[in-house]
C-alpha cells in the first residue's frame, strides 16, 4: 500500500520549520506542489482539526499528522525530517524529528488506517528511525522505507 503513496519527491530531509505549525505548512506545500492536494488552506485546516482531537506526536521523535480531506486529489504520504527537532507535544516529551503526514481523501475509504499499520511496523524495526534520520538523500530514505525486514 505505502509504495503507491510515496516517492522521492514526497520526502524532505531538511525541514526549515521551527514550530509544529510550520512543519504542517511545509509538508502541506510539498503535497500541493506534487499535485496530491488541490487546496493547501483546506487541507491545513483539516490537519489542525484532526490534531485537536488528539496529538499525533509519538515516542522516539516520530509524529504522524494525518487527515481525511476533500482537498486530497490523490492519497499520499509526505515525509519530513527536522535535524534539530521540534517541540510537538509528543508522549515522551522529546522533540519530534521524523514526520509522516498522511493525506487521505474524504469519504468511506479508511486506507489511512492501513498506512498507519504499515508505518508502525517499520517504526518498530530495530534501528529504522536512526537510519532514516541519517539518510543523506531521498533515494536512500525511500529505499529504507520500502526495504523488507
C-alpha atoms as a PDB file:
ATOM      1  CA  UNK A   1       0.000   0.000   0.000  1.00  0.00           C
ATOM      2  CA  UNK A   2       2.623   2.556   1.036  1.00  0.00           C
ATOM      3  CA  UNK A   3       4.603   2.042  -2.179  1.00  0.00           C
ATOM      4  CA  UNK A   4       1.757   3.699  -4.113  1.00  0.00           C
ATOM      5  CA  UNK A   5       1.551   6.678  -1.791  1.00  0.00           C
ATOM      6  CA  UNK A   6       5.127   7.880  -1.632  1.00  0.00           C
ATOM      7  CA  UNK A   7       8.011   8.729  -3.928  1.00  0.00           C
ATOM      8  CA  UNK A   8      11.322  10.568  -3.621  1.00  0.00           C
ATOM      9  CA  UNK A   9       9.620  13.918  -4.330  1.00  0.00           C
ATOM     10  CA  UNK A  10       7.467  13.451  -1.224  1.00  0.00           C
ATOM     11  CA  UNK A  11      10.479  13.183   1.099  1.00  0.00           C
ATOM     12  CA  UNK A  12      12.001  16.346   2.557  1.00  0.00           C
ATOM     13  CA  UNK A  13      15.134  15.620   4.605  1.00  0.00           C
ATOM     14  CA  UNK A  14      15.836  19.236   5.583  1.00  0.00           C
ATOM     15  CA  UNK A  15      12.739  20.828   7.086  1.00  0.00           C
ATOM     16  CA  UNK A  16      13.261  24.520   7.846  1.00  0.00           C
ATOM     17  CA  UNK A  17      10.318  24.643  10.262  1.00  0.00           C
ATOM     18  CA  UNK A  18      10.873  25.582  13.888  1.00  0.00           C
ATOM     19  CA  UNK A  19       7.303  25.005  15.122  1.00  0.00           C
ATOM     20  CA  UNK A  20       4.552  22.431  14.758  1.00  0.00           C
ATOM     21  CA  UNK A  21       2.508  24.890  12.682  1.00  0.00           C
ATOM     22  CA  UNK A  22       5.445  25.476  10.330  1.00  0.00           C
ATOM     23  CA  UNK A  23       6.005  21.714   9.930  1.00  0.00           C
ATOM     24  CA  UNK A  24       2.379  21.377   8.853  1.00  0.00           C
ATOM     25  CA  UNK A  25       2.682  24.251   6.363  1.00  0.00           C
ATOM     26  CA  UNK A  26       5.947  22.973   4.910  1.00  0.00           C
ATOM     27  CA  UNK A  27       4.675  19.420   4.397  1.00  0.00           C
ATOM     28  CA  UNK A  28       1.316  20.619   3.029  1.00  0.00           C
ATOM     29  CA  UNK A  29       3.208  22.759   0.486  1.00  0.00           C
ATOM     30  CA  UNK A  30       5.053  19.634  -0.718  1.00  0.00           C
ATOM     31  CA  UNK A  31       1.756  17.761  -1.144  1.00  0.00           C
ATOM     32  CA  UNK A  32       0.379  20.688  -3.149  1.00  0.00           C
ATOM     33  CA  UNK A  33       3.490  21.023  -5.319  1.00  0.00           C
ATOM     34  CA  UNK A  34       3.245  17.304  -6.138  1.00  0.00           C
ATOM     35  CA  UNK A  35      -0.408  17.622  -7.171  1.00  0.00           C
ATOM     36  CA  UNK A  36      -1.714  15.454  -4.340  1.00  0.00           C
ATOM     37  CA  UNK A  37      -3.969  18.151  -2.825  1.00  0.00           C
ATOM     38  CA  UNK A  38      -5.988  20.905  -4.503  1.00  0.00           C
ATOM     39  CA  UNK A  39      -6.259  23.390  -1.645  1.00  0.00           C
ATOM     40  CA  UNK A  40      -3.461  23.991   0.877  1.00  0.00           C
ATOM     41  CA  UNK A  41      -5.617  26.110   3.195  1.00  0.00           C
ATOM     42  CA  UNK A  42      -8.375  23.494   3.380  1.00  0.00           C
ATOM     43  CA  UNK A  43      -6.001  20.584   3.945  1.00  0.00           C
ATOM     44  CA  UNK A  44      -4.065  22.516   6.596  1.00  0.00           C
ATOM     45  CA  UNK A  45      -7.350  23.256   8.392  1.00  0.00           C
ATOM     46  CA  UNK A  46      -8.270  19.559   8.256  1.00  0.00           C
ATOM     47  CA  UNK A  47      -4.851  18.526   9.628  1.00  0.00           C
ATOM     48  CA  UNK A  48      -5.234  21.008  12.503  1.00  0.00           C
ATOM     49  CA  UNK A  49      -8.798  19.848  13.227  1.00  0.00           C
ATOM     50  CA  UNK A  50      -7.596  16.240  13.458  1.00  0.00           C
ATOM     51  CA  UNK A  51      -4.718  17.296  15.702  1.00  0.00           C
ATOM     52  CA  UNK A  52      -7.191  18.940  18.101  1.00  0.00           C
ATOM     53  CA  UNK A  53      -8.844  15.541  18.593  1.00  0.00           C
ATOM     54  CA  UNK A  54      -5.561  14.115  19.834  1.00  0.00           C
ATOM     55  CA  UNK A  55      -1.882  14.874  19.466  1.00  0.00           C
ATOM     56  CA  UNK A  56      -0.168  12.808  16.778  1.00  0.00           C
ATOM     57  CA  UNK A  57       3.296  13.065  18.341  1.00  0.00           C
ATOM     58  CA  UNK A  58       4.591   9.681  19.442  1.00  0.00           C
ATOM     59  CA  UNK A  59       7.712   8.416  21.195  1.00  0.00           C
ATOM     60  CA  UNK A  60      11.213   8.266  19.725  1.00  0.00           C
ATOM     61  CA  UNK A  61      10.907  11.575  17.860  1.00  0.00           C
ATOM     62  CA  UNK A  62       8.149  10.475  15.479  1.00  0.00           C
ATOM     63  CA  UNK A  63       4.941  12.335  14.608  1.00  0.00           C
ATOM     64  CA  UNK A  64       2.226  11.177  12.225  1.00  0.00           C
ATOM     65  CA  UNK A  65      -0.153  14.059  11.466  1.00  0.00           C
ATOM     66  CA  UNK A  66      -2.980  12.876   9.223  1.00  0.00           C
ATOM     67  CA  UNK A  67      -6.369  13.906   7.889  1.00  0.00           C
ATOM     68  CA  UNK A  68      -9.164  12.859   5.609  1.00  0.00           C
ATOM     69  CA  UNK A  69      -9.972  15.852   3.435  1.00  0.00           C
ATOM     70  CA  UNK A  70     -11.988  16.916   0.403  1.00  0.00           C
ATOM     71  CA  UNK A  71      -8.814  18.743  -0.699  1.00  0.00           C
ATOM     72  CA  UNK A  72      -6.999  15.444  -1.349  1.00  0.00           C
ATOM     73  CA  UNK A  73      -6.811  14.627  -5.066  1.00  0.00           C
ATOM     74  CA  UNK A  74      -4.642  11.549  -4.682  1.00  0.00           C
ATOM     75  CA  UNK A  75      -3.756   9.781  -1.407  1.00  0.00           C
ATOM     76  CA  UNK A  76      -0.176  10.367  -0.328  1.00  0.00           C
ATOM     77  CA  UNK A  77       2.344  10.258   2.474  1.00  0.00           C
ATOM     78  CA  UNK A  78       4.825  13.121   2.698  1.00  0.00           C
ATOM     79  CA  UNK A  79       7.817  12.648   4.980  1.00  0.00           C
ATOM     80  CA  UNK A  80       9.850  15.380   6.627  1.00  0.00           C
ATOM     81  CA  UNK A  81      12.969  15.326   8.776  1.00  0.00           C
ATOM     82  CA  UNK A  82      13.969  18.062  11.207  1.00  0.00           C
ATOM     83  CA  UNK A  83      17.601  17.564  12.203  1.00  0.00           C
ATOM     84  CA  UNK A  84      17.248  19.742  15.313  1.00  0.00           C
ATOM     85  CA  UNK A  85      13.799  18.517  16.318  1.00  0.00           C
ATOM     86  CA  UNK A  86      10.596  20.420  17.008  1.00  0.00           C
ATOM     87  CA  UNK A  87       8.536  20.687  20.175  1.00  0.00           C
ATOM     88  CA  UNK A  88       5.419  18.797  19.145  1.00  0.00           C
ATOM     89  CA  UNK A  89       3.852  17.672  22.413  1.00  0.00           C
ATOM     90  CA  UNK A  90       4.954  14.061  21.996  1.00  0.00           C
ATOM     91  CA  UNK A  91       4.084  11.403  24.577  1.00  0.00           C
ATOM     92  CA  UNK A  92       7.663  11.161  25.861  1.00  0.00           C
ATOM     93  CA  UNK A  93       8.204  14.947  25.974  1.00  0.00           C
ATOM     94  CA  UNK A  94      11.087  14.768  23.492  1.00  0.00           C
ATOM     95  CA  UNK A  95      11.277  16.869  20.324  1.00  0.00           C
ATOM     96  CA  UNK A  96       9.945  15.274  17.144  1.00  0.00           C
ATOM     97  CA  UNK A  97      12.358  14.822  14.235  1.00  0.00           C
ATOM     98  CA  UNK A  98      10.603  12.457  11.839  1.00  0.00           C
ATOM     99  CA  UNK A  99       7.211  13.430  10.413  1.00  0.00           C
ATOM    100  CA  UNK A 100       4.907  11.266   8.305  1.00  0.00           C
ATOM    101  CA  UNK A 101       1.925  13.315   7.064  1.00  0.00           C
ATOM    102  CA  UNK A 102      -0.836  11.147   5.630  1.00  0.00           C
ATOM    103  CA  UNK A 103      -3.289  12.722   3.168  1.00  0.00           C
ATOM    104  CA  UNK A 104      -6.460  10.685   2.643  1.00  0.00           C
ATOM    105  CA  UNK A 105      -9.464  11.605   0.518  1.00  0.00           C
ATOM    106  CA  UNK A 106     -12.694  12.364   2.330  1.00  0.00           C
ATOM    107  CA  UNK A 107     -15.153   9.508   2.174  1.00  0.00           C
ATOM    108  CA  UNK A 108     -15.555   5.925   3.276  1.00  0.00           C
ATOM    109  CA  UNK A 109     -12.123   4.527   2.408  1.00  0.00           C
ATOM    110  CA  UNK A 110     -10.051   4.035   5.545  1.00  0.00           C
ATOM    111  CA  UNK A 111      -6.768   3.441   3.739  1.00  0.00           C
ATOM    112  CA  UNK A 112      -5.020   5.736   6.231  1.00  0.00           C
ATOM    113  CA  UNK A 113      -5.511   3.006   8.842  1.00  0.00           C
ATOM    114  CA  UNK A 114      -3.603   0.559   6.613  1.00  0.00           C
ATOM    115  CA  UNK A 115      -0.872   3.150   6.086  1.00  0.00           C
ATOM    116  CA  UNK A 116      -0.590   3.750   9.842  1.00  0.00           C
ATOM    117  CA  UNK A 117      -0.249  -0.003  10.364  1.00  0.00           C
ATOM    118  CA  UNK A 118       2.498  -0.259   7.713  1.00  0.00           C
ATOM    119  CA  UNK A 119       4.357   2.723   9.157  1.00  0.00           C
ATOM    120  CA  UNK A 120       4.081   1.314  12.665  1.00  0.00           C
ATOM    121  CA  UNK A 121       5.662  -1.953  11.589  1.00  0.00           C
ATOM    122  CA  UNK A 122       8.613  -0.037  10.070  1.00  0.00           C
ATOM    123  CA  UNK A 123       8.998   2.241  13.089  1.00  0.00           C
ATOM    124  CA  UNK A 124       9.401  -0.662  15.494  1.00  0.00           C
ATOM    125  CA  UNK A 125      12.159  -2.234  13.383  1.00  0.00           C
ATOM    126  CA  UNK A 126      15.394  -2.011  15.313  1.00  0.00           C
ATOM    127  CA  UNK A 127      17.471   0.909  14.034  1.00  0.00           C
ATOM    128  CA  UNK A 128      14.984   2.116  11.401  1.00  0.00           C
ATOM    129  CA  UNK A 129      14.381   5.581  12.875  1.00  0.00           C
ATOM    130  CA  UNK A 130      18.080   6.358  13.306  1.00  0.00           C
ATOM    131  CA  UNK A 131      18.864   5.037   9.833  1.00  0.00           C
ATOM    132  CA  UNK A 132      16.110   7.157   8.288  1.00  0.00           C
ATOM    133  CA  UNK A 133      17.222  10.273  10.171  1.00  0.00           C
ATOM    134  CA  UNK A 134      20.744   9.611   8.902  1.00  0.00           C
ATOM    135  CA  UNK A 135      19.739   9.251   5.239  1.00  0.00           C
ATOM    136  CA  UNK A 136      21.572  11.787   3.081  1.00  0.00           C
ATOM    137  CA  UNK A 137      19.181  11.785   0.135  1.00  0.00           C
ATOM    138  CA  UNK A 138      15.563  10.987  -0.720  1.00  0.00           C
ATOM    139  CA  UNK A 139      16.520   7.922  -2.755  1.00  0.00           C
ATOM    140  CA  UNK A 140      18.232   6.267   0.229  1.00  0.00           C
ATOM    141  CA  UNK A 141      15.410   7.285   2.578  1.00  0.00           C
ATOM    142  CA  UNK A 142      12.788   5.761   0.282  1.00  0.00           C
ATOM    143  CA  UNK A 143      14.831   2.559  -0.040  1.00  0.00           C
ATOM    144  CA  UNK A 144      14.912   2.254   3.770  1.00  0.00           C
ATOM    145  CA  UNK A 145      11.164   2.708   3.978  1.00  0.00           C
ATOM    146  CA  UNK A 146      10.422   0.146   1.275  1.00  0.00           C
ATOM    147  CA  UNK A 147      13.008  -2.446   2.361  1.00  0.00           C
ATOM    148  CA  UNK A 148      11.654  -5.719   3.653  1.00  0.00           C
ATOM    149  CA  UNK A 149      12.983  -6.907   7.002  1.00  0.00           C
END
